[in-house]
């Protein structure tokens, strides 16, 4: 995929592909500064490792069935952006972009773990960046169509020094899809799920307005995924988490709550929430009032607090 995207002339994160027996090449990159290792199969931040020195390289290298691991210098200060789109037989439509929530310690165990999206914050992106995201997404969608792909897909970018660097393409619906659909429906427009079905039915691609216009009218809306960060597989009281968060923000809608009768594994999702507000400024931190509540809940559940619903 990355080779094809580079041939499209789109800027991307500069990955190097290194075989296990060539780890000395990776050591050379680490000597220049921190790097990120990535397996070819990743999901929600799993399969990534951050290495600061050559001494930590061997411990972080996880091959499994992989022939190669991708290595890139760590890009600091970037803004992670996700956008959904639809491939039609005769066109591409692009939907609401969002700032992704990545690696928030109170919500996820993985350093690069996905834990939500902030759609309202996308209004702060320069219109030139939004135009570049739209152009890149459409070109990637056209490339997908050459392989017979139809329907919804998503693209992840990292905004660095004003340039959206291509991260990956998700040939599927995404974690951001429900919130994106909610925004489209409220605006009286076709949502990603409806377009996904329509594209498969061979309906012609509808005409759409420029992405910058959609972004300028996007209200504040976020989705937040909270994962169990404790070390034990155990029942947790996610209902108490939602009740505590509603004290801070009464607009919260709980889309997913893990039942207390279910034993949650470390790293598993225990709640997915929709909020009528912005929840981050960079995608890498959660607003303090929300972060404090989630962190306190994680600590109390880890300490074995017995809630009313668990009893």
Protein backbone atom coordinates (compact mmCIF):
# COMPACT_ATOMS: atom_id res chain seq x y z
CA UNK A 1 0.00 0.00 0.00
CA UNK A 2 2.70 2.48 0.95
CA UNK A 3 4.62 1.78 -2.25
CA UNK A 4 1.48 2.47 -4.27
CA UNK A 5 0.75 5.67 -2.33
CA UNK A 6 4.29 6.91 -2.90
CA UNK A 7 3.78 6.31 -6.62
CA UNK A 8 0.72 8.55 -6.40
CA UNK A 9 3.05 11.31 -5.26
CA UNK A 10 1.44 11.66 -1.82
CA UNK A 11 3.66 12.50 1.18
CA UNK A 12 3.86 9.78 3.79
CA UNK A 13 5.70 8.70 6.92
CA UNK A 14 9.18 7.57 5.73
CA UNK A 15 9.15 3.90 6.72
CA UNK A 16 12.11 1.61 6.07
CA UNK A 17 11.37 -2.11 5.71
CA UNK A 18 13.91 -4.23 7.58
CA UNK A 19 14.21 -8.01 7.81
CA UNK A 20 14.95 -9.67 11.13
CA UNK A 21 18.46 -10.64 10.05
CA UNK A 22 19.16 -6.98 9.19
CA UNK A 23 18.45 -5.50 12.61
CA UNK A 24 21.79 -3.70 12.47
CA UNK A 25 20.17 -1.37 9.93
CA UNK A 26 17.51 -0.49 12.52
CA UNK A 27 20.25 0.07 15.11
CA UNK A 28 21.75 2.64 12.78
CA UNK A 29 18.43 4.49 12.63
CA UNK A 30 18.00 4.39 16.41
CA UNK A 31 21.44 5.94 16.83
CA UNK A 32 20.01 9.03 15.07
CA UNK A 33 17.12 9.34 17.53
CA UNK A 34 13.98 7.57 18.77
CA UNK A 35 12.22 5.31 16.27
CA UNK A 36 8.89 3.51 15.90
CA UNK A 37 8.74 -0.18 14.94
CA UNK A 38 5.62 -1.45 13.20
CA UNK A 39 4.53 -4.92 12.21
CA UNK A 40 2.75 -5.26 8.88
CA UNK A 41 -0.40 -6.41 10.70
CA UNK A 42 -1.59 -3.87 13.26
CA UNK A 43 -4.88 -3.01 14.94
CA UNK A 44 -5.80 -0.07 17.15
CA UNK A 45 -2.18 0.64 18.06
CA UNK A 46 -1.21 -3.01 18.60
CA UNK A 47 1.91 -4.00 16.68
CA UNK A 48 3.78 -0.72 17.30
CA UNK A 49 6.78 -0.16 19.58
CA UNK A 50 8.70 2.98 20.54
CA UNK A 51 12.46 2.55 20.89
CA UNK A 52 14.74 5.26 22.29
CA UNK A 53 18.13 3.54 22.11
CA UNK A 54 19.91 0.64 20.36
CA UNK A 55 19.88 -1.26 23.69
CA UNK A 56 16.07 -1.43 23.59
CA UNK A 57 15.83 -2.62 20.00
CA UNK A 58 16.07 -6.40 20.57
CA UNK A 59 13.45 -6.38 23.33
CA UNK A 60 10.98 -4.39 21.20
CA UNK A 61 11.46 -6.45 18.03
CA UNK A 62 8.44 -8.74 17.68
CA UNK A 63 8.50 -10.78 14.50
CA UNK A 64 5.91 -13.57 14.79
CA UNK A 65 5.15 -14.65 11.23
CA UNK A 66 6.40 -11.35 9.77
CA UNK A 67 9.23 -11.22 7.27
CA UNK A 68 9.84 -7.49 7.73
CA UNK A 69 9.29 -4.79 10.32
CA UNK A 70 8.77 -1.17 9.31
CA UNK A 71 10.99 1.39 11.05
CA UNK A 72 10.66 5.17 11.06
CA UNK A 73 12.10 8.02 13.05
CA UNK A 74 9.64 9.15 15.72
CA UNK A 75 7.82 12.25 14.46
CA UNK A 76 7.15 14.47 17.47
CA UNK A 77 4.41 17.06 17.67
CA UNK A 78 2.31 15.59 14.86
CA UNK A 79 -1.49 15.73 14.91
CA UNK A 80 -3.21 12.40 14.13
CA UNK A 81 -6.15 12.82 11.74
CA UNK A 82 -8.64 10.26 10.47
CA UNK A 83 -11.14 10.67 7.64
CA UNK A 84 -13.84 8.37 6.28
CA UNK A 85 -14.86 8.13 2.63
CA UNK A 86 -16.76 6.00 0.12
CA UNK A 87 -15.61 4.43 -3.15
CA UNK A 88 -18.33 4.47 -5.83
CA UNK A 89 -18.18 3.00 -9.32
CA UNK A 90 -17.98 6.53 -10.71
CA UNK A 91 -16.52 8.69 -7.94
CA UNK A 92 -15.33 9.22 -4.38
CA UNK A 93 -17.10 11.04 -1.55
CA UNK A 94 -15.20 12.23 1.55
CA UNK A 95 -16.78 12.56 4.99
CA UNK A 96 -15.99 14.33 8.26
CA UNK A 97 -12.33 14.32 9.33
CA UNK A 98 -11.47 14.13 13.03
CA UNK A 99 -8.50 14.43 15.33
CA UNK A 100 -7.77 10.94 16.63
CA UNK A 101 -7.23 10.21 20.31
CA UNK A 102 -4.04 8.17 20.59
CA UNK A 103 -2.21 6.66 23.56
CA UNK A 104 -4.12 8.37 26.39
CA UNK A 105 -2.89 6.56 29.50
CA UNK A 106 -6.16 6.66 31.42
CA UNK A 107 -8.00 5.08 28.47
CA UNK A 108 -5.67 2.59 26.79
CA UNK A 109 -2.69 0.41 27.65
CA UNK A 110 -0.81 0.78 24.36
CA UNK A 111 1.40 3.80 23.69
CA UNK A 112 -0.11 4.27 20.23
CA UNK A 113 -3.50 2.80 21.10
CA UNK A 114 -6.62 4.26 19.50
CA UNK A 115 -9.25 5.58 21.93
CA UNK A 116 -11.55 7.94 20.04
CA UNK A 117 -12.06 10.94 17.76
CA UNK A 118 -12.70 14.67 18.18
CA UNK A 119 -14.62 16.02 15.17
CA UNK A 120 -15.10 19.59 16.37
CA UNK A 121 -11.36 20.12 16.75
CA UNK A 122 -10.96 19.58 13.00
CA UNK A 123 -12.35 23.10 12.55
CA UNK A 124 -8.98 24.36 13.82
CA UNK A 125 -7.10 22.82 10.87
CA UNK A 126 -6.01 25.23 8.14
CA UNK A 127 -8.24 25.04 5.09
CA UNK A 128 -5.17 24.25 2.96
CA UNK A 129 -4.54 21.16 5.10
CA UNK A 130 -8.18 20.13 4.77
CA UNK A 131 -7.93 20.50 0.99
CA UNK A 132 -4.81 18.32 0.93
CA UNK A 133 -6.54 15.67 3.05
CA UNK A 134 -9.51 15.67 0.69
CA UNK A 135 -7.30 15.38 -2.42
CA UNK A 136 -5.17 12.59 -0.92
CA UNK A 137 -8.21 10.63 0.27
CA UNK A 138 -9.87 10.85 -3.13
CA UNK A 139 -6.72 9.66 -4.89
CA UNK A 140 -6.37 6.74 -2.48
CA UNK A 141 -10.03 5.89 -3.05
CA UNK A 142 -9.49 5.90 -6.81
CA UNK A 143 -6.52 3.57 -6.33
CA UNK A 144 -8.67 1.20 -4.22
CA UNK A 145 -11.27 1.13 -7.00
CA UNK A 146 -8.67 -0.13 -9.49
CA UNK A 147 -8.61 -3.32 -7.37
CA UNK A 148 -12.40 -3.62 -7.41
CA UNK A 149 -12.99 -2.12 -3.98
CA UNK A 150 -16.38 -0.45 -3.36
CA UNK A 151 -17.88 1.07 -0.22
CA UNK A 152 -16.62 2.74 2.93
CA UNK A 153 -12.97 3.11 3.85
CA UNK A 154 -10.80 5.33 6.01
CA UNK A 155 -7.39 6.97 5.90
CA UNK A 156 -5.11 8.00 8.77
CA UNK A 157 -2.79 10.98 8.40
CA UNK A 158 -0.22 12.62 10.66
CA UNK A 159 -0.13 16.41 10.25
CA UNK A 160 3.52 17.46 10.50
CA UNK A 161 4.74 20.97 9.70
CA UNK A 162 1.54 21.69 7.79
CA UNK A 163 1.71 18.54 5.66
CA UNK A 164 -0.71 15.58 6.03
CA UNK A 165 1.57 12.52 5.95
CA UNK A 166 -0.17 9.31 4.91
CA UNK A 167 -0.17 6.72 7.72
CA UNK A 168 -2.45 3.90 6.60
CA UNK A 169 -5.63 3.03 4.74
CA UNK A 170 -8.41 1.04 6.41
CA UNK A 171 -10.46 -0.76 3.72
CA UNK A 172 -13.46 -1.07 6.04
CA UNK A 173 -15.76 0.92 8.30
CA UNK A 174 -13.97 2.34 11.33
CA UNK A 175 -14.29 3.23 14.98
CA UNK A 176 -15.08 6.80 13.91
CA UNK A 177 -17.94 5.71 11.63
CA UNK A 178 -20.87 5.89 14.13
CA UNK A 179 -20.06 9.47 15.18
CA UNK A 180 -19.40 10.52 11.58
CA UNK A 181 -22.79 9.07 10.58
CA UNK A 182 -24.48 10.97 13.41
CA UNK A 183 -23.03 14.25 12.13
CA UNK A 184 -24.13 13.56 8.56
CA UNK A 185 -27.67 12.60 9.57
CA UNK A 186 -28.04 15.72 11.72
CA UNK A 187 -26.87 17.81 8.75
CA UNK A 188 -29.49 16.17 6.50
CA UNK A 189 -26.84 14.42 4.40
CA UNK A 190 -26.20 10.78 3.46
CA UNK A 191 -24.03 9.05 6.04
CA UNK A 192 -21.16 6.63 5.47
CA UNK A 193 -23.25 3.54 6.23
CA UNK A 194 -25.97 4.55 3.75
CA UNK A 195 -23.36 5.36 1.12
CA UNK A 196 -21.61 2.04 1.73
CA UNK A 197 -24.81 0.17 0.87
CA UNK A 198 -25.64 2.47 -2.05
CA UNK A 199 -22.18 2.01 -3.60
CA UNK A 200 -22.59 -1.77 -3.47
CA UNK A 201 -25.99 -1.43 -5.15
CA UNK A 202 -24.38 0.43 -8.07
CA UNK A 203 -26.14 3.74 -7.39
CA UNK A 204 -24.33 6.68 -9.07
CA UNK A 205 -21.98 8.76 -6.91
CA UNK A 206 -23.81 11.82 -5.52
CA UNK A 207 -22.38 15.28 -5.91
CA UNK A 208 -20.97 16.61 -2.67
CA UNK A 209 -19.78 19.91 -1.29
CA UNK A 210 -16.11 20.63 -0.61
CA UNK A 211 -14.70 19.08 2.54
CA UNK A 212 -13.68 22.50 3.87
CA UNK A 213 -17.36 23.47 3.81
CA UNK A 214 -18.35 20.38 5.82
CA UNK A 215 -15.62 20.98 8.35
CA UNK A 216 -16.52 24.64 8.86
CA UNK A 217 -20.07 23.61 9.83
CA UNK A 218 -19.16 20.60 11.98
CA UNK A 219 -20.43 21.00 15.56
CA UNK A 220 -18.46 19.84 18.58
CA UNK A 221 -18.84 16.05 18.83
CA UNK A 222 -16.42 13.39 20.07
CA UNK A 223 -16.36 9.69 20.70
CA UNK A 224 -14.25 8.24 23.49
CA UNK A 225 -13.24 4.61 23.91
CA UNK A 226 -12.20 3.54 27.40
CA UNK A 227 -10.22 0.31 27.73
CA UNK A 228 -9.53 -1.66 30.89
CA UNK A 229 -5.97 -0.76 31.89
CA UNK A 230 -5.75 -3.05 34.93
CA UNK A 231 -3.47 -6.07 35.00
CA UNK A 232 -6.13 -8.68 35.83
CA UNK A 233 -8.94 -10.25 33.82
CA UNK A 234 -11.98 -9.43 35.95
CA UNK A 235 -15.48 -7.93 35.96
CA UNK A 236 -15.43 -4.12 36.07
CA UNK A 237 -18.28 -1.69 36.72
CA UNK A 238 -18.39 0.41 33.55
CA UNK A 239 -21.82 1.74 34.51
CA UNK A 240 -20.23 3.48 37.48
CA UNK A 241 -17.66 4.99 35.11
CA UNK A 242 -20.40 6.44 32.91
CA UNK A 243 -22.31 7.78 35.92
CA UNK A 244 -19.14 9.48 37.19
CA UNK A 245 -18.42 11.04 33.81
CA UNK A 246 -21.99 12.36 33.55
CA UNK A 247 -21.35 14.41 36.68
CA UNK A 248 -18.73 16.24 34.62
CA UNK A 249 -20.65 16.29 31.32
CA UNK A 250 -24.37 15.50 31.19
CA UNK A 251 -24.30 15.28 27.36
CA UNK A 252 -22.54 11.89 27.45
CA UNK A 253 -24.26 9.08 25.59
CA UNK A 254 -23.08 5.54 26.30
CA UNK A 255 -23.03 3.56 23.05
CA UNK A 256 -21.22 0.53 24.53
CA UNK A 257 -20.95 -0.60 28.15
CA UNK A 258 -19.32 -3.88 29.18
CA UNK A 259 -21.73 -5.82 31.45
CA UNK A 260 -20.50 -6.38 34.99
CA UNK A 261 -21.06 -10.12 34.52
CA UNK A 262 -18.37 -10.18 31.80
CA UNK A 263 -14.72 -10.62 32.72
CA UNK A 264 -12.78 -7.88 30.94
CA UNK A 265 -9.29 -8.67 29.74
CA UNK A 266 -6.52 -6.07 30.07
CA UNK A 267 -6.73 -3.75 27.08
CA UNK A 268 -10.33 -4.65 26.21
CA UNK A 269 -12.97 -1.99 25.58
CA UNK A 270 -15.25 -1.38 28.57
CA UNK A 271 -17.10 1.71 27.31
CA UNK A 272 -17.56 3.73 24.14
CA UNK A 273 -19.06 7.15 24.69
CA UNK A 274 -20.32 10.03 22.57
CA UNK A 275 -19.91 13.59 23.90
CA UNK A 276 -21.23 16.91 22.59
CA UNK A 277 -17.93 18.68 23.21
CA UNK A 278 -14.28 18.76 22.34
CA UNK A 279 -12.21 16.41 24.46
CA UNK A 280 -8.61 17.14 23.40
CA UNK A 281 -6.31 19.83 22.06
CA UNK A 282 -3.73 17.61 20.35
CA UNK A 283 -5.18 14.11 20.16
CA UNK A 284 -2.54 12.91 22.62
CA UNK A 285 -4.11 14.20 25.85
CA UNK A 286 -7.64 14.06 27.23
CA UNK A 287 -9.23 17.15 28.78
CA UNK A 288 -8.35 17.27 32.46
CA UNK A 289 -11.85 16.93 33.93
CA UNK A 290 -12.56 13.79 31.90
CA UNK A 291 -9.07 12.36 32.34
CA UNK A 292 -9.25 12.66 36.13
CA UNK A 293 -12.54 10.77 36.31
CA UNK A 294 -11.39 7.94 34.04
CA UNK A 295 -8.02 7.63 35.79
CA UNK A 296 -9.69 7.53 39.22
CA UNK A 297 -12.13 4.84 38.05
CA UNK A 298 -9.28 2.71 36.67
CA UNK A 299 -7.42 3.00 39.97
CA UNK A 300 -10.47 2.13 42.07
CA UNK A 301 -11.35 -0.89 39.92
CA UNK A 302 -7.75 -2.10 40.06
CA UNK A 303 -7.84 -1.82 43.84
CA UNK A 304 -10.89 -4.11 43.90
CA UNK A 305 -13.61 -1.64 44.85
CA UNK A 306 -16.96 -3.46 45.10
CA UNK A 307 -19.70 -1.41 43.46
CA UNK A 308 -23.42 -1.69 44.07
CA UNK A 309 -24.05 -3.20 40.63
CA UNK A 310 -21.27 -5.77 41.11
CA UNK A 311 -22.74 -6.87 44.43
